[in-house]
Amino acid sequence: MAVVREFTLPDLGEGLTGAEIVRWLVQVGDVVAVDQPVVEVETAKAMVDVPCPYGGVVTARYGEEGAEVPVGAPLITVAVPGGSDDGSGPPVTGSAVDGGSGNVLVGYGTAAPTARRRRVQPSPGPLRETTAAAPGGPLRGAPAAAPGEPSHKTAAAPGGPVPETVVCPTGPLPVISPLVRRLAREHDVDLRRLKGSGPEGLILRADVERAVAATAPASVAPAPGTPAPVAPAPTAPAPTAPAPEGERVPLRGVRGAVADKLARSRREIPDASCWVDADATELLAARKAMNAAGGPKVSVLALLARICTAALARFPELNATVDMGSREIIRLPGVHLGFAAQTDRGLVVPVVRDAQKRTLEGLSEEIARLTEAARTGTLAPAQLTGGTFTLNNYGVFGVDGSTPIINHPEAAMLGVGRISPKPWVHQGELAVRQVVQLSFTFDHRVCDGGTAGGFLRYVADCVEQPMVLLRRL
């Protein structure tokens, strides 16, 4: 008989704890090959096609599209045929597979799988009450029930229904919400003994609350002949009905990752900001002349990126991170320049590796490539991590200024507002010039205001007089 292998959501790297199912690529009954993508998921970093390390027939599929799946939760089960070390043979019966796949995602593949207890394939719909007995006796770790007595039931509590229970001794719990897990811990509720009322048996907050109410001690009745205590008269008006609750939007995927990172930045980094207005007329004229000369077009963002790398070469203490565990500032040798990009999936920050080594045209081409990948959702997690400095061009939204939040664990971020015509004193006379506001937020642990001001002033000088860059090229 074919061996059923369970494939769980692997660790996708970079500390990711889960993913959202975007699209299933296989159906139950499909034949899959080793390393064939079976599901497309969205992590907090990017969209990823997840390949399966087993070959055979898909016998079960877990989770609907749009569901949040934690790392280690089952995705599919595959009936693996015998007579093949890699599970890639035809779907016939046989023994267990001992070989591994060539997958390179973190946490699975490239090695033989560890031995696992075979699981019984669940039927569609909510979980059924079960006591999955071991051969020859009752389930280990569970008390044996007397003949005719129902097992694993929670004692009834007066005034409410008894929550139905189910024993789930092994495998991942059908729980997604951390709030549900915390509520269960606070009230000593065993989640493995609850039957969820959500889709496919998912345990919801209401299930835990019913279990808490069912196990609450009943009020003690007074002894015969003892007068019942008289309740004091109410001194305050009865509470009014709570106002209708607004719409709840889950913080998950990219939005959840952004929320976590920004909150951590505000919590851990003592940041400070400074800003300056700069005349960008000459910078725009230089870009126009370069693009008129032929060759690949140069973007304004690429010019600003080149200015940032030159400024960081002049002030290397800002290309750093802080290790509070060892109480050290780590100055980094290369500039991995992140730039903020707004997409339909939210704000993402692609990273240009070794930006200080690229030409102006090279920076422009790489920024354009990463921006397109961000918009289509095809950025790999590695392209969204490892930045050492971030450039945030919020001027594309038509705003002049902002106080950027540092992209933790970096030490600084440069914000650029819109470039717009404004009255400006130029060569002693009032003129209409193209003016931009530059905002700079820095980690006050890595430098003082003098360094931050020097960095920002150098950036402004390069914007106003692009020829200043020639000294550093």
Protein backbone atom coordinates (compact mmCIF):
# COMPACT_ATOMS: atom_id res chain seq x y z
CA MET A 1 0.00 0.00 0.00
CA ALA A 2 1.24 3.52 -0.78
CA VAL A 3 2.59 5.53 2.13
CA VAL A 4 0.83 8.80 2.90
CA ARG A 5 3.27 11.66 3.43
CA GLU A 6 2.20 14.92 5.04
CA PHE A 7 3.82 18.06 3.65
CA THR A 8 3.75 21.03 6.04
CA LEU A 9 4.41 24.71 5.40
CA PRO A 10 8.21 25.03 5.55
CA ASP A 11 10.25 27.75 7.19
CA LEU A 12 10.57 30.33 4.41
CA GLY A 13 13.44 32.13 6.13
CA GLU A 14 14.02 35.58 7.62
CA GLY A 15 12.09 34.77 10.79
CA LEU A 16 8.75 34.31 9.00
CA THR A 17 6.20 32.50 11.17
CA GLY A 18 3.43 31.91 8.65
CA ALA A 19 1.95 32.70 5.26
CA GLU A 20 -1.40 33.30 3.59
CA ILE A 21 -2.65 30.88 0.96
CA VAL A 22 -3.15 32.87 -2.25
CA ARG A 23 -3.80 30.16 -4.83
CA TRP A 24 -3.77 26.38 -4.89
CA LEU A 25 -1.87 24.93 -7.84
CA VAL A 26 -3.08 21.33 -7.39
CA GLN A 27 -6.35 19.55 -6.65
CA VAL A 28 -7.07 16.44 -4.63
CA GLY A 29 -6.40 13.48 -6.92
CA ASP A 30 -3.72 15.23 -8.98
CA VAL A 31 -0.41 13.47 -9.55
CA VAL A 32 2.54 15.65 -8.51
CA ALA A 33 6.24 15.24 -9.13
CA VAL A 34 9.06 15.90 -6.68
CA ASP A 35 9.72 19.65 -6.29
CA GLN A 36 6.55 20.60 -8.19
CA PRO A 37 4.96 23.83 -6.83
CA VAL A 38 1.67 22.97 -5.16
CA VAL A 39 0.56 26.27 -3.62
CA GLU A 40 1.25 29.97 -3.97
CA VAL A 41 1.52 31.77 -0.63
CA GLU A 42 2.06 35.35 0.43
CA THR A 43 4.47 35.92 3.29
CA ALA A 44 5.24 39.13 5.05
CA LYS A 45 8.00 39.60 2.48
CA ALA A 46 6.83 38.40 -0.92
CA MET A 47 4.77 35.94 -2.98
CA VAL A 48 6.33 32.45 -3.01
CA ASP A 49 5.53 29.25 -4.92
CA VAL A 50 6.01 26.36 -2.47
CA PRO A 51 7.25 23.09 -4.03
CA CYS A 52 6.45 19.71 -2.52
CA PRO A 53 9.36 17.36 -1.72
CA TYR A 54 7.24 14.24 -2.40
CA GLY A 55 5.99 12.72 -5.61
CA GLY A 56 2.67 10.87 -5.80
CA VAL A 57 -1.07 11.46 -5.65
CA VAL A 58 -2.53 14.36 -3.64
CA THR A 59 -4.94 12.80 -1.14
CA ALA A 60 -5.87 15.83 0.96
CA ARG A 61 -5.51 19.58 0.94
CA TYR A 62 -5.61 21.81 4.04
CA GLY A 63 -6.75 25.42 4.13
CA GLU A 64 -8.79 27.55 1.78
CA GLU A 65 -7.45 30.38 -0.34
CA GLY A 66 -7.08 33.44 1.88
CA ALA A 67 -6.45 31.41 5.03
CA GLU A 68 -3.45 32.18 7.26
CA VAL A 69 -1.24 29.10 7.79
CA PRO A 70 1.51 28.96 10.46
CA VAL A 71 4.88 27.38 9.74
CA GLY A 72 4.66 23.66 10.43
CA ALA A 73 0.94 23.36 9.70
CA PRO A 74 -0.05 20.73 7.09
CA LEU A 75 -0.58 21.86 3.49
CA ILE A 76 -1.25 18.61 1.63
CA THR A 77 -0.88 14.87 2.02
CA VAL A 78 0.59 12.81 -0.79
CA ALA A 79 0.25 9.06 -1.36
CA VAL A 80 3.86 8.18 -2.18
CA PRO A 81 4.34 5.05 -4.31
CA GLY A 82 6.88 2.38 -3.48
CA GLY A 83 9.91 1.29 -5.49
CA SER A 84 11.39 4.80 -5.73
CA ASP A 85 13.82 6.60 -3.49
CA ASP A 86 12.59 10.05 -4.38
CA GLY A 87 8.88 9.44 -4.62
CA SER A 88 8.78 10.37 -8.28
CA GLY A 89 7.55 7.05 -9.65
CA PRO A 90 4.04 6.23 -10.82
CA PRO A 91 1.21 6.25 -8.29
CA VAL A 92 1.30 2.59 -7.28
CA THR A 93 1.45 0.96 -3.88
CA GLY A 94 4.75 0.40 -2.14
CA SER A 95 6.87 1.12 0.89
CA ALA A 96 7.93 4.37 2.52
CA VAL A 97 10.20 6.80 0.75
CA ASP A 98 13.60 7.38 2.36
CA GLY A 99 15.20 9.91 0.03
CA GLY A 100 14.96 13.69 0.05
CA SER A 101 14.21 16.23 -2.62
CA GLY A 102 16.28 18.95 -4.16
CA ASN A 103 14.25 21.78 -2.63
CA VAL A 104 16.26 24.69 -1.38
CA LEU A 105 13.66 26.56 0.71
CA VAL A 106 14.83 26.87 4.29
CA GLY A 107 13.68 24.11 6.60
CA TYR A 108 12.97 21.19 4.25
CA GLY A 109 14.28 19.37 1.23
CA THR A 110 17.86 18.42 0.34
CA ALA A 111 17.79 15.68 2.99
CA ALA A 112 15.79 12.60 3.88
CA PRO A 113 12.62 13.34 5.88
CA THR A 114 12.42 12.22 9.46
CA ALA A 115 10.11 9.37 10.36
CA ARG A 116 6.61 10.52 11.15
CA ARG A 117 3.51 8.87 12.50
CA ARG A 118 1.04 8.27 9.72
CA ARG A 119 -1.96 10.53 10.00
CA VAL A 120 -5.54 9.68 9.20
CA GLN A 121 -6.77 11.84 6.36
CA PRO A 122 -9.52 14.13 7.67
CA SER A 123 -12.74 14.39 5.77
CA PRO A 124 -13.91 17.81 4.52
CA GLY A 125 -15.87 19.92 6.93
CA PRO A 126 -15.56 20.54 10.68
CA LEU A 127 -13.48 18.21 12.81
CA ARG A 128 -15.32 15.20 14.20
CA GLU A 129 -15.12 14.07 17.79
CA THR A 130 -12.54 11.32 17.91
CA THR A 131 -10.56 9.29 20.39
CA ALA A 132 -8.10 7.77 17.85
CA ALA A 133 -7.30 4.65 19.81
CA ALA A 134 -3.96 2.91 19.44
CA PRO A 135 -4.04 -0.73 18.32
CA GLY A 136 -4.90 -3.02 21.19
CA GLY A 137 -6.11 -0.44 23.66
CA PRO A 138 -7.25 3.09 24.42
CA LEU A 139 -5.33 6.16 23.42
CA ARG A 140 -2.16 6.62 25.43
CA GLY A 141 -2.36 9.56 27.81
CA ALA A 142 -6.21 9.60 27.81
CA PRO A 143 -8.35 8.06 30.61
CA ALA A 144 -10.33 4.99 29.62
CA ALA A 145 -14.08 5.48 29.62
CA ALA A 146 -16.43 3.12 31.38
CA PRO A 147 -18.77 1.03 29.21
CA GLY A 148 -21.62 3.17 27.97
CA GLU A 149 -20.02 6.32 29.27
CA PRO A 150 -19.05 9.07 26.79
CA SER A 151 -15.33 9.88 26.91
CA HIS A 152 -13.51 13.21 26.81
CA LYS A 153 -16.52 15.40 27.53
CA THR A 154 -16.39 18.58 29.54
CA ALA A 155 -18.63 18.69 32.59
CA ALA A 156 -21.83 20.61 32.02
CA ALA A 157 -22.20 23.98 33.68
CA PRO A 158 -25.53 25.42 34.73
CA GLY A 159 -27.02 27.96 32.45
CA GLY A 160 -25.25 27.18 29.19
CA PRO A 161 -24.51 24.48 26.60
CA VAL A 162 -21.58 22.18 27.02
CA PRO A 163 -18.84 22.82 24.45
CA GLU A 164 -18.15 19.76 22.36
CA THR A 165 -14.63 18.45 22.76
CA VAL A 166 -12.23 16.51 20.62
CA VAL A 167 -8.91 14.93 21.51
CA CYS A 168 -6.06 15.98 19.21
CA PRO A 169 -2.99 14.33 20.84
CA THR A 170 -0.49 14.97 18.06
CA GLY A 171 0.08 17.29 15.13
CA PRO A 172 -0.57 21.02 14.78
CA LEU A 173 -3.54 22.51 16.52
CA PRO A 174 -6.32 23.94 14.33
CA VAL A 175 -5.68 27.41 15.78
CA ILE A 176 -4.56 30.48 13.81
CA SER A 177 -5.17 33.44 16.11
CA PRO A 178 -2.53 34.20 18.77
CA LEU A 179 -5.36 35.83 20.74
CA VAL A 180 -7.14 32.48 20.98
CA ARG A 181 -3.96 30.77 22.22
CA ARG A 182 -3.37 33.48 24.84
CA LEU A 183 -6.97 33.32 26.04
CA ALA A 184 -6.67 29.55 26.40
CA ARG A 185 -3.43 29.87 28.38
CA GLU A 186 -4.90 32.46 30.73
CA HIS A 187 -7.86 30.21 31.60
CA ASP A 188 -6.03 26.83 31.51
CA VAL A 189 -8.11 25.56 28.61
CA ASP A 190 -6.64 22.55 26.79
CA LEU A 191 -7.03 23.40 23.10
CA ARG A 192 -6.48 19.77 22.14
CA ARG A 193 -9.76 18.87 23.83
CA LEU A 194 -11.87 21.48 22.01
CA LYS A 195 -13.82 21.04 18.84
CA GLY A 196 -13.62 24.19 16.72
CA SER A 197 -16.72 25.72 15.19
CA GLY A 198 -14.82 27.48 12.40
CA PRO A 199 -14.10 26.27 8.86
CA GLU A 200 -12.50 22.80 8.84
CA GLY A 201 -12.68 22.66 12.62
CA LEU A 202 -10.77 25.89 13.24
CA ILE A 203 -10.87 26.82 16.94
CA LEU A 204 -12.29 30.32 17.38
CA ARG A 205 -12.33 32.70 20.32
CA ALA A 206 -15.99 31.89 20.93
CA ASP A 207 -15.08 28.19 21.37
CA VAL A 208 -12.58 29.03 24.11
CA GLU A 209 -15.00 31.40 25.82
CA ARG A 210 -17.69 28.68 25.87
CA ALA A 211 -15.19 26.27 27.41
CA VAL A 212 -14.27 28.83 30.08
CA ALA A 213 -17.94 29.42 30.90
CA ALA A 214 -18.63 25.67 31.05
CA THR A 215 -15.84 25.02 33.54
CA ALA A 216 -16.58 28.05 35.76
CA PRO A 217 -17.58 27.00 39.32
CA ALA A 218 -21.29 27.21 40.00
CA SER A 219 -22.53 29.50 42.75
CA VAL A 220 -22.91 27.78 46.15
CA ALA A 221 -26.50 27.51 47.37
CA PRO A 222 -27.19 28.71 50.98
CA ALA A 223 -27.75 26.07 53.65
CA PRO A 224 -31.38 25.33 54.68
CA GLY A 225 -32.69 27.85 57.17
CA THR A 226 -30.06 30.42 56.35
CA PRO A 227 -31.52 33.68 55.11
CA ALA A 228 -30.32 34.66 51.72
CA PRO A 229 -28.15 37.74 51.67
CA VAL A 230 -29.86 40.89 50.54
CA ALA A 231 -28.17 42.57 47.62
CA PRO A 232 -27.51 46.28 48.15
CA ALA A 233 -29.60 48.67 46.15
CA PRO A 234 -27.89 49.81 42.96
CA THR A 235 -26.32 53.21 43.25
CA ALA A 236 -25.46 53.67 39.60
CA PRO A 237 -27.55 53.41 36.47
CA ALA A 238 -27.41 50.20 34.50
CA PRO A 239 -24.72 50.21 31.84
CA THR A 240 -25.90 51.08 28.39
CA ALA A 241 -25.54 48.66 25.52
CA PRO A 242 -22.10 48.77 23.91
CA ALA A 243 -21.79 50.70 20.71
CA PRO A 244 -21.65 48.67 17.50
CA GLU A 245 -18.14 47.41 16.83
CA GLY A 246 -16.43 48.73 13.70
CA GLU A 247 -14.85 46.72 10.94
CA ARG A 248 -11.81 44.64 11.95
CA VAL A 249 -9.00 44.39 9.42
CA PRO A 250 -6.43 41.68 10.25
CA LEU A 251 -2.81 42.80 10.45
CA ARG A 252 -1.15 40.07 8.44
CA GLY A 253 1.01 39.60 5.39
CA VAL A 254 2.90 42.69 4.28
CA ARG A 255 0.73 45.04 6.36
CA GLY A 256 1.40 43.02 9.50
CA ALA A 257 5.15 42.88 8.85
CA VAL A 258 5.27 46.65 8.31
CA ALA A 259 3.33 47.22 11.55
CA ASP A 260 5.70 45.01 13.54
CA LYS A 261 8.83 46.61 12.11
CA LEU A 262 7.67 50.21 12.59
CA ALA A 263 6.49 49.52 16.14
CA ARG A 264 9.82 47.92 16.97
CA SER A 265 11.67 50.88 15.46
CA ARG A 266 9.76 53.35 17.61
CA ARG A 267 10.18 51.16 20.68
CA GLU A 268 13.94 50.53 20.41
CA ILE A 269 15.52 53.39 18.44
CA PRO A 270 15.96 56.88 19.95
CA ASP A 271 15.51 58.68 16.67
CA ALA A 272 15.82 62.36 15.82
CA SER A 273 15.02 64.29 12.65
CA CYS A 274 16.34 67.32 10.80
CA TRP A 275 15.37 68.79 7.44
CA VAL A 276 16.36 71.39 4.90
CA ASP A 277 14.97 72.91 1.70
CA ALA A 278 17.18 72.61 -1.38
CA ASP A 279 17.11 74.10 -4.86
CA ALA A 280 16.90 71.09 -7.22
CA THR A 281 16.83 73.12 -10.45
CA GLU A 282 20.39 72.21 -11.43
CA LEU A 283 19.85 68.54 -10.57
CA LEU A 284 16.85 68.33 -12.92
CA ALA A 285 18.81 70.13 -15.62
CA ALA A 286 21.70 67.66 -15.27
CA ARG A 287 19.27 64.71 -15.56
CA LYS A 288 17.68 66.23 -18.67
CA ALA A 289 21.10 66.66 -20.29
CA MET A 290 22.13 63.06 -19.49
CA ASN A 291 18.92 61.60 -20.90
CA ALA A 292 19.20 63.77 -24.04
CA ALA A 293 22.67 62.33 -24.69
CA GLY A 294 21.19 58.88 -25.41
CA GLY A 295 21.51 55.54 -23.66
CA PRO A 296 19.42 54.22 -20.77
CA LYS A 297 17.30 56.84 -19.08
CA VAL A 298 18.35 58.02 -15.63
CA SER A 299 15.63 58.51 -13.01
CA VAL A 300 15.54 61.15 -10.30
CA LEU A 301 15.52 58.36 -7.71
CA ALA A 302 18.74 56.95 -9.17
CA LEU A 303 20.38 60.40 -8.90
CA LEU A 304 19.31 60.63 -5.28
CA ALA A 305 20.61 57.08 -4.67
CA ARG A 306 24.01 58.08 -6.07
CA ILE A 307 24.03 61.13 -3.80
CA CYS A 308 23.22 58.91 -0.79
CA THR A 309 26.09 56.51 -1.49
CA ALA A 310 28.51 59.44 -1.86
CA ALA A 311 27.25 60.95 1.42
CA LEU A 312 27.59 57.63 3.25
CA ALA A 313 31.16 57.34 2.02
CA ARG A 314 31.78 60.73 3.62
CA PHE A 315 29.85 59.85 6.82
CA PRO A 316 30.28 56.05 7.24
CA GLU A 317 29.03 56.06 10.83
CA LEU A 318 25.48 56.32 9.44
CA ASN A 319 25.78 53.08 7.46
CA ALA A 320 25.54 51.05 10.62
CA THR A 321 23.43 49.11 13.06
CA VAL A 322 23.41 48.86 16.86
CA ASP A 323 23.89 45.64 18.81
CA MET A 324 22.62 46.40 22.30
CA GLY A 325 23.37 42.86 23.46
CA SER A 326 27.11 43.55 23.15
CA ARG A 327 26.65 47.34 23.38
CA GLU A 328 28.45 47.90 20.10
CA ILE A 329 27.86 49.96 16.97
CA ILE A 330 28.53 47.85 13.86
CA ARG A 331 29.68 49.95 10.91
CA LEU A 332 28.95 48.06 7.72
CA PRO A 333 31.38 47.88 4.78
CA GLY A 334 28.84 47.89 1.93
CA VAL A 335 25.82 50.07 1.21
CA HIS A 336 22.74 47.94 0.60
CA LEU A 337 20.35 50.71 -0.31
CA GLY A 338 16.66 50.16 0.31
CA PHE A 339 14.05 52.34 -1.33
CA ALA A 340 10.38 52.55 -0.42
CA ALA A 341 7.95 51.38 -3.11
CA GLN A 342 4.17 51.61 -2.83
CA THR A 343 2.33 48.64 -4.35
CA ASP A 344 -1.19 47.20 -4.36
CA ARG A 345 -0.03 44.87 -1.55
CA GLY A 346 1.23 47.77 0.56
CA LEU A 347 4.56 49.40 1.22
CA VAL A 348 7.64 47.29 0.45
CA VAL A 349 11.33 48.18 0.57
CA PRO A 350 13.40 46.44 -2.15
CA VAL A 351 17.15 46.51 -1.58
CA VAL A 352 19.86 47.39 -4.13
CA ARG A 353 22.89 45.31 -3.14
CA ASP A 354 26.30 47.03 -3.06
CA ALA A 355 24.85 50.27 -4.35
CA GLN A 356 28.18 52.04 -3.84
CA LYS A 357 29.74 49.88 -6.59
CA ARG A 358 27.12 50.62 -9.26
CA THR A 359 27.21 53.32 -11.90
CA LEU A 360 24.41 55.84 -12.20
CA GLU A 361 22.94 53.90 -15.11
CA GLY A 362 23.34 50.66 -13.18
CA LEU A 363 21.48 52.12 -10.21
CA SER A 364 18.67 53.34 -12.47
CA GLU A 365 18.29 49.93 -14.15
CA GLU A 366 18.33 48.00 -10.86
CA ILE A 367 15.81 50.34 -9.22
CA ALA A 368 13.49 49.99 -12.23
CA ARG A 369 13.81 46.18 -12.19
CA LEU A 370 13.09 45.88 -8.46
CA THR A 371 10.19 48.34 -8.68
CA GLU A 372 8.52 46.29 -11.41
CA ALA A 373 9.03 43.09 -9.43
CA ALA A 374 7.51 44.77 -6.37
CA ARG A 375 4.42 45.82 -8.32
CA THR A 376 3.89 42.31 -9.70
CA GLY A 377 4.53 40.69 -6.31
CA THR A 378 7.46 38.58 -7.56
CA LEU A 379 10.18 39.86 -5.24
CA ALA A 380 12.01 37.11 -3.37
CA PRO A 381 12.36 37.48 0.43
CA ALA A 382 16.12 37.98 -0.02
CA GLN A 383 15.43 41.08 -2.15
CA LEU A 384 13.49 42.69 0.69
CA THR A 385 15.95 42.18 3.53
CA GLY A 386 19.49 43.09 4.50
CA GLY A 387 19.30 46.84 3.80
CA THR A 388 21.73 49.18 5.57
CA PHE A 389 20.19 52.56 4.61
CA THR A 390 16.80 53.53 3.18
CA LEU A 391 15.79 56.24 0.71
CA ASN A 392 12.11 57.20 0.92
CA ASN A 393 10.75 59.27 -1.97
CA TYR A 394 7.32 60.25 -0.64
CA GLY A 395 7.23 63.22 -3.01
CA VAL A 396 5.48 60.97 -5.55
CA PHE A 397 2.37 61.32 -3.35
CA GLY A 398 2.41 65.10 -3.78
CA VAL A 399 3.55 65.94 -0.23
CA ASP A 400 6.38 68.26 0.75
CA GLY A 401 7.69 66.85 4.02
CA SER A 402 7.57 64.03 6.52
CA THR A 403 9.44 62.62 9.52
CA PRO A 404 10.42 59.11 8.34
CA ILE A 405 10.49 56.17 10.74
CA ILE A 406 13.80 54.30 10.56
CA ASN A 407 13.65 50.89 8.92
CA HIS A 408 14.83 48.76 11.84
CA PRO A 409 17.65 47.70 12.37
CA GLU A 410 19.18 50.41 10.17
CA ALA A 411 20.50 53.67 11.62
CA ALA A 412 19.12 56.32 9.27
CA MET A 413 16.66 57.17 6.50
CA LEU A 414 16.53 60.03 4.01
CA GLY A 415 13.10 61.30 3.00
CA VAL A 416 12.53 63.32 -0.18
CA GLY A 417 9.45 65.45 -0.76
CA ARG A 418 7.99 66.63 -4.04
CA ILE A 419 10.02 68.90 -6.31
CA SER A 420 7.84 71.89 -7.12
CA PRO A 421 8.32 75.48 -8.35
CA LYS A 422 8.62 77.96 -5.51
CA PRO A 423 9.95 81.50 -5.02
CA TRP A 424 13.65 81.27 -4.13
CA VAL A 425 16.51 83.72 -3.72
CA HIS A 426 18.99 82.77 -6.46
CA GLN A 427 22.21 84.74 -6.97
CA GLY A 428 20.82 87.60 -4.89
CA GLU A 429 17.55 87.88 -6.76
CA LEU A 430 14.08 86.43 -6.26
CA ALA A 431 13.35 83.73 -8.83
CA VAL A 432 11.08 80.74 -9.36
CA ARG A 433 13.14 77.59 -8.74
CA GLN A 434 12.45 73.86 -8.38
CA VAL A 435 12.60 73.33 -4.61
CA VAL A 436 12.57 70.09 -2.61
CA GLN A 437 12.44 69.42 1.12
CA LEU A 438 14.88 66.79 2.43
CA SER A 439 14.11 65.09 5.77
CA PHE A 440 16.67 63.01 7.60
CA THR A 441 15.92 60.72 10.55
CA PHE A 442 18.82 59.10 12.37
CA ASP A 443 19.53 56.85 15.34
CA HIS A 444 20.97 59.14 17.99
CA ARG A 445 22.99 56.24 19.42
CA VAL A 446 25.27 56.05 16.37
CA CYS A 447 26.01 59.77 16.03
CA ASP A 448 25.27 63.24 17.30
CA GLY A 449 23.52 66.11 15.55
CA GLY A 450 26.75 67.38 14.02
CA THR A 451 27.24 64.23 11.97
CA ALA A 452 23.58 64.08 10.95
CA GLY A 453 23.59 67.75 9.99
CA GLY A 454 26.80 67.32 8.01
CA PHE A 455 25.30 64.38 6.10
CA LEU A 456 22.11 66.26 5.26
CA ARG A 457 23.98 69.41 4.27
CA TYR A 458 26.22 67.41 1.92
CA VAL A 459 23.16 65.81 0.30
CA ALA A 460 21.57 69.25 -0.14
CA ASP A 461 24.78 70.62 -1.68
CA CYS A 462 24.86 67.78 -4.21
CA VAL A 463 21.20 68.41 -5.07
CA GLU A 464 21.85 72.12 -5.60
CA GLN A 465 25.22 71.66 -7.33
CA PRO A 466 25.52 68.19 -8.93
CA MET A 467 29.15 68.97 -9.83
CA VAL A 468 29.98 68.46 -6.13
CA LEU A 469 29.54 64.73 -6.78
CA LEU A 470 32.56 64.69 -9.08
CA ARG A 471 34.83 65.00 -6.06
CA ARG A 472 33.69 61.59 -4.82
CA LEU A 473 33.51 59.74 -8.16
